[in-house]
Amino acid sequence: MVAKLTILLFILVCLMVGSLLILLPWTNLGFPGDWTDNYFLNLIVDKSGFETLKTIVSTGWFRGAITGLGIVNLSIAFWEIAYFNDSVEMLDGSNDGKIEAKT
């Protein structure tokens, strides 16, 4: 039972993080704290003196890389959904660490 809840929580976290990483770089919600006007980004730029960091983070290439990480998270979640029973068995230890090839 604990293994099933653990896998379900992992799937939920992967889905949420993946969705946020896909959507947040491209949305402008109109309040401070958006992608390019981020408090933590401004703090890092002020402390480090690395002014070009703000320019790098606002480029389409960087946003695309973050979106790619979101796609990876979503694909992990869908993989875990497809192989849910195998993951539960591996977490429970009921197959003694052996991975069987399905043919």
N, C-alpha and C. Protein backbone atom coordinates (compact mmCIF):
# COMPACT_ATOMS: atom_id res chain seq x y z
N MET A 1 0.82 -1.20 0.00
CA MET A 1 0.00 0.00 0.00
C MET A 1 0.86 1.26 0.00
N VAL A 2 1.93 1.24 0.80
CA VAL A 2 2.83 2.39 0.87
C VAL A 2 3.55 2.58 -0.46
N ALA A 3 3.90 1.48 -1.11
CA ALA A 3 4.58 1.57 -2.40
C ALA A 3 3.68 2.21 -3.45
N LYS A 4 2.40 1.84 -3.44
CA LYS A 4 1.46 2.44 -4.40
C LYS A 4 1.30 3.93 -4.17
N LEU A 5 1.19 4.33 -2.90
CA LEU A 5 1.06 5.75 -2.59
C LEU A 5 2.32 6.52 -2.95
N THR A 6 3.47 5.90 -2.75
CA THR A 6 4.73 6.55 -3.11
C THR A 6 4.82 6.78 -4.61
N ILE A 7 4.47 5.78 -5.39
CA ILE A 7 4.51 5.92 -6.84
C ILE A 7 3.48 6.94 -7.31
N LEU A 8 2.29 6.92 -6.72
CA LEU A 8 1.27 7.91 -7.09
C LEU A 8 1.73 9.34 -6.77
N LEU A 9 2.36 9.51 -5.62
CA LEU A 9 2.87 10.83 -5.26
C LEU A 9 3.98 11.26 -6.22
N PHE A 10 4.84 10.34 -6.58
CA PHE A 10 5.91 10.64 -7.53
C PHE A 10 5.33 11.05 -8.88
N ILE A 11 4.30 10.33 -9.34
CA ILE A 11 3.65 10.67 -10.61
C ILE A 11 3.02 12.05 -10.52
N LEU A 12 2.35 12.35 -9.43
CA LEU A 12 1.72 13.65 -9.26
C LEU A 12 2.75 14.78 -9.25
N VAL A 13 3.84 14.58 -8.56
CA VAL A 13 4.90 15.61 -8.52
C VAL A 13 5.49 15.81 -9.91
N CYS A 14 5.76 14.73 -10.63
CA CYS A 14 6.31 14.86 -11.98
C CYS A 14 5.34 15.58 -12.92
N LEU A 15 4.05 15.29 -12.80
CA LEU A 15 3.07 15.97 -13.63
C LEU A 15 2.99 17.47 -13.31
N MET A 16 3.00 17.80 -12.03
CA MET A 16 2.91 19.21 -11.64
C MET A 16 4.16 19.98 -12.02
N VAL A 17 5.32 19.44 -11.73
CA VAL A 17 6.57 20.13 -12.06
C VAL A 17 6.72 20.25 -13.57
N GLY A 18 6.40 19.20 -14.29
CA GLY A 18 6.49 19.25 -15.74
C GLY A 18 5.57 20.30 -16.34
N SER A 19 4.34 20.37 -15.84
CA SER A 19 3.40 21.38 -16.35
C SER A 19 3.89 22.79 -16.05
N LEU A 20 4.39 23.01 -14.85
CA LEU A 20 4.91 24.34 -14.50
C LEU A 20 6.12 24.71 -15.35
N LEU A 21 7.03 23.76 -15.56
CA LEU A 21 8.22 24.07 -16.35
C LEU A 21 7.89 24.31 -17.82
N ILE A 22 6.82 23.75 -18.29
CA ILE A 22 6.42 24.00 -19.68
C ILE A 22 5.73 25.35 -19.81
N LEU A 23 4.88 25.69 -18.86
CA LEU A 23 4.05 26.89 -18.99
C LEU A 23 4.69 28.18 -18.47
N LEU A 24 5.39 28.13 -17.35
CA LEU A 24 5.86 29.36 -16.71
C LEU A 24 6.83 30.20 -17.54
N PRO A 25 7.77 29.62 -18.29
CA PRO A 25 8.66 30.49 -19.06
C PRO A 25 7.96 31.30 -20.15
N TRP A 26 6.80 30.87 -20.58
CA TRP A 26 6.16 31.52 -21.72
C TRP A 26 4.95 32.36 -21.34
N THR A 27 4.51 32.32 -20.11
CA THR A 27 3.33 33.09 -19.72
C THR A 27 3.75 34.39 -19.05
N ASN A 28 2.95 35.41 -19.26
CA ASN A 28 3.15 36.70 -18.62
C ASN A 28 1.88 37.01 -17.85
N LEU A 29 1.96 36.86 -16.55
CA LEU A 29 0.77 37.02 -15.73
C LEU A 29 0.51 38.47 -15.35
N GLY A 30 1.45 39.35 -15.60
CA GLY A 30 1.23 40.77 -15.38
C GLY A 30 1.50 41.28 -13.98
N PHE A 31 2.16 40.50 -13.15
CA PHE A 31 2.50 40.99 -11.82
C PHE A 31 3.99 40.72 -11.57
N PRO A 32 4.58 41.43 -10.63
CA PRO A 32 6.02 41.22 -10.36
C PRO A 32 6.28 39.77 -9.98
N GLY A 33 7.37 39.27 -10.46
CA GLY A 33 7.71 37.88 -10.22
C GLY A 33 7.55 37.03 -11.46
N ASP A 34 7.24 37.66 -12.60
CA ASP A 34 7.18 36.92 -13.85
C ASP A 34 8.57 36.44 -14.22
N TRP A 35 8.68 35.74 -15.33
CA TRP A 35 9.92 35.08 -15.71
C TRP A 35 11.10 36.05 -15.79
N THR A 36 10.93 37.19 -16.44
CA THR A 36 12.06 38.11 -16.60
C THR A 36 12.15 39.12 -15.47
N ASP A 37 11.09 39.33 -14.70
CA ASP A 37 11.10 40.27 -13.59
C ASP A 37 10.95 39.48 -12.29
N ASN A 38 11.91 38.61 -12.05
CA ASN A 38 11.86 37.70 -10.93
C ASN A 38 12.68 38.26 -9.78
N TYR A 39 12.13 38.21 -8.57
CA TYR A 39 12.83 38.74 -7.39
C TYR A 39 14.15 38.03 -7.16
N PHE A 40 14.14 36.69 -7.23
CA PHE A 40 15.35 35.93 -6.97
C PHE A 40 16.40 36.15 -8.05
N LEU A 41 15.96 36.31 -9.30
CA LEU A 41 16.89 36.60 -10.38
C LEU A 41 17.53 37.96 -10.17
N ASN A 42 16.72 38.96 -9.79
CA ASN A 42 17.27 40.28 -9.50
C ASN A 42 18.23 40.25 -8.32
N LEU A 43 17.94 39.47 -7.31
CA LEU A 43 18.81 39.34 -6.15
C LEU A 43 20.15 38.72 -6.54
N ILE A 44 20.11 37.68 -7.36
CA ILE A 44 21.34 37.02 -7.80
C ILE A 44 22.17 37.98 -8.65
N VAL A 45 21.52 38.72 -9.54
CA VAL A 45 22.23 39.69 -10.38
C VAL A 45 22.85 40.78 -9.52
N ASP A 46 22.14 41.27 -8.52
CA ASP A 46 22.67 42.32 -7.64
C ASP A 46 23.85 41.82 -6.81
N LYS A 47 23.77 40.60 -6.29
CA LYS A 47 24.83 40.07 -5.43
C LYS A 47 26.07 39.68 -6.22
N SER A 48 25.87 39.13 -7.43
CA SER A 48 27.01 38.63 -8.19
C SER A 48 27.59 39.66 -9.14
N GLY A 49 26.80 40.64 -9.54
CA GLY A 49 27.26 41.64 -10.51
C GLY A 49 27.28 41.11 -11.93
N PHE A 50 26.68 39.97 -12.17
CA PHE A 50 26.64 39.33 -13.49
C PHE A 50 25.39 39.80 -14.21
N GLU A 51 25.46 40.97 -14.82
CA GLU A 51 24.30 41.61 -15.43
C GLU A 51 23.74 40.85 -16.64
N THR A 52 24.61 40.12 -17.33
CA THR A 52 24.13 39.42 -18.52
C THR A 52 23.29 38.19 -18.18
N LEU A 53 23.26 37.80 -16.91
CA LEU A 53 22.44 36.66 -16.50
C LEU A 53 20.97 36.91 -16.79
N LYS A 54 20.52 38.12 -16.55
CA LYS A 54 19.12 38.48 -16.82
C LYS A 54 18.81 38.37 -18.31
N THR A 55 19.76 38.77 -19.14
CA THR A 55 19.57 38.67 -20.59
C THR A 55 19.55 37.22 -21.03
N ILE A 56 20.43 36.41 -20.45
CA ILE A 56 20.49 34.99 -20.81
C ILE A 56 19.20 34.28 -20.44
N VAL A 57 18.68 34.57 -19.24
CA VAL A 57 17.46 33.90 -18.78
C VAL A 57 16.25 34.30 -19.62
N SER A 58 16.27 35.48 -20.17
CA SER A 58 15.10 35.94 -20.94
C SER A 58 15.14 35.52 -22.40
N THR A 59 16.21 34.84 -22.86
CA THR A 59 16.27 34.42 -24.26
C THR A 59 15.36 33.24 -24.52
N GLY A 60 14.99 33.09 -25.75
CA GLY A 60 14.14 31.97 -26.15
C GLY A 60 14.84 30.63 -26.01
N TRP A 61 16.16 30.60 -26.19
CA TRP A 61 16.91 29.36 -26.05
C TRP A 61 16.83 28.83 -24.62
N PHE A 62 17.00 29.71 -23.66
CA PHE A 62 16.95 29.30 -22.26
C PHE A 62 15.54 28.86 -21.88
N ARG A 63 14.55 29.62 -22.33
CA ARG A 63 13.17 29.23 -22.06
C ARG A 63 12.84 27.88 -22.70
N GLY A 64 13.36 27.66 -23.89
CA GLY A 64 13.16 26.37 -24.56
C GLY A 64 13.80 25.22 -23.80
N ALA A 65 14.98 25.47 -23.22
CA ALA A 65 15.65 24.44 -22.43
C ALA A 65 14.83 24.10 -21.18
N ILE A 66 14.26 25.11 -20.54
CA ILE A 66 13.42 24.87 -19.37
C ILE A 66 12.16 24.10 -19.78
N THR A 67 11.59 24.45 -20.93
CA THR A 67 10.44 23.72 -21.44
C THR A 67 10.80 22.27 -21.74
N GLY A 68 12.02 22.05 -22.25
CA GLY A 68 12.49 20.69 -22.49
C GLY A 68 12.58 19.88 -21.21
N LEU A 69 13.02 20.52 -20.12
CA LEU A 69 13.04 19.82 -18.83
C LEU A 69 11.62 19.46 -18.38
N GLY A 70 10.66 20.33 -18.68
CA GLY A 70 9.27 20.03 -18.37
C GLY A 70 8.76 18.84 -19.16
N ILE A 71 9.15 18.75 -20.42
CA ILE A 71 8.74 17.62 -21.25
C ILE A 71 9.35 16.33 -20.72
N VAL A 72 10.61 16.40 -20.25
CA VAL A 72 11.24 15.22 -19.65
C VAL A 72 10.47 14.78 -18.41
N ASN A 73 10.06 15.74 -17.57
CA ASN A 73 9.29 15.41 -16.37
C ASN A 73 7.96 14.76 -16.73
N LEU A 74 7.27 15.30 -17.72
CA LEU A 74 6.00 14.70 -18.14
C LEU A 74 6.20 13.30 -18.72
N SER A 75 7.28 13.11 -19.47
CA SER A 75 7.52 11.78 -20.02
C SER A 75 7.85 10.77 -18.92
N ILE A 76 8.55 11.20 -17.87
CA ILE A 76 8.80 10.32 -16.73
C ILE A 76 7.48 9.95 -16.05
N ALA A 77 6.59 10.92 -15.90
CA ALA A 77 5.30 10.65 -15.28
C ALA A 77 4.49 9.67 -16.10
N PHE A 78 4.46 9.85 -17.42
CA PHE A 78 3.70 8.93 -18.26
C PHE A 78 4.32 7.54 -18.30
N TRP A 79 5.66 7.48 -18.22
CA TRP A 79 6.32 6.18 -18.17
C TRP A 79 5.95 5.47 -16.87
N GLU A 80 5.94 6.20 -15.77
CA GLU A 80 5.58 5.61 -14.49
C GLU A 80 4.12 5.16 -14.48
N ILE A 81 3.26 5.89 -15.15
CA ILE A 81 1.86 5.47 -15.26
C ILE A 81 1.76 4.16 -16.05
N ALA A 82 2.52 4.07 -17.15
CA ALA A 82 2.46 2.88 -17.99
C ALA A 82 3.01 1.65 -17.28
N TYR A 83 4.04 1.82 -16.47
CA TYR A 83 4.67 0.70 -15.78
C TYR A 83 4.44 0.78 -14.28
N PHE A 84 3.22 1.14 -13.90
CA PHE A 84 2.89 1.34 -12.49
C PHE A 84 3.09 0.06 -11.68
N ASN A 85 2.55 -1.05 -12.16
CA ASN A 85 2.65 -2.31 -11.40
C ASN A 85 4.10 -2.76 -11.25
N ASP A 86 4.90 -2.60 -12.29
CA ASP A 86 6.31 -2.99 -12.20
C ASP A 86 7.04 -2.12 -11.18
N SER A 87 6.74 -0.85 -11.16
CA SER A 87 7.38 0.05 -10.20
C SER A 87 7.00 -0.30 -8.76
N VAL A 88 5.73 -0.64 -8.56
CA VAL A 88 5.28 -1.03 -7.23
C VAL A 88 5.97 -2.32 -6.79
N GLU A 89 6.08 -3.28 -7.70
CA GLU A 89 6.76 -4.53 -7.36
C GLU A 89 8.23 -4.29 -7.02
N MET A 90 8.89 -3.44 -7.77
CA MET A 90 10.29 -3.15 -7.50
C MET A 90 10.46 -2.42 -6.16
N LEU A 91 9.53 -1.54 -5.84
CA LEU A 91 9.61 -0.80 -4.58
C LEU A 91 9.30 -1.71 -3.40
N ASP A 92 8.38 -2.64 -3.59
CA ASP A 92 8.05 -3.59 -2.53
C ASP A 92 9.16 -4.62 -2.33
N GLY A 93 9.91 -4.89 -3.38
CA GLY A 93 10.95 -5.91 -3.29
C GLY A 93 10.42 -7.30 -3.49
N SER A 94 9.22 -7.41 -4.07
CA SER A 94 8.62 -8.72 -4.24
C SER A 94 9.23 -9.51 -5.39
N ASN A 95 9.99 -8.85 -6.27
CA ASN A 95 10.64 -9.60 -7.34
C ASN A 95 12.12 -9.79 -7.07
N ASP A 96 12.56 -9.53 -5.85
CA ASP A 96 13.93 -9.78 -5.38
C ASP A 96 14.98 -9.07 -6.25
N GLY A 97 14.64 -7.90 -6.77
CA GLY A 97 15.61 -7.11 -7.53
C GLY A 97 15.84 -7.59 -8.94
N LYS A 98 15.07 -8.57 -9.39
CA LYS A 98 15.23 -9.08 -10.75
C LYS A 98 14.27 -8.37 -11.67
N ILE A 99 14.80 -7.89 -12.77
CA ILE A 99 13.97 -7.26 -13.79
C ILE A 99 13.77 -8.27 -14.90
N GLU A 100 12.53 -8.61 -15.14
CA GLU A 100 12.22 -9.62 -16.15
C GLU A 100 11.87 -8.92 -17.46
N ALA A 101 12.40 -9.47 -18.53
CA ALA A 101 12.10 -8.94 -19.86
C ALA A 101 10.75 -9.45 -20.30
N LYS A 102 9.90 -8.55 -20.74
CA LYS A 102 8.58 -8.94 -21.22
C LYS A 102 8.65 -9.10 -22.74
N THR A 103 8.26 -10.26 -23.19
CA THR A 103 8.28 -10.51 -24.63
C THR A 103 6.91 -10.76 -25.16
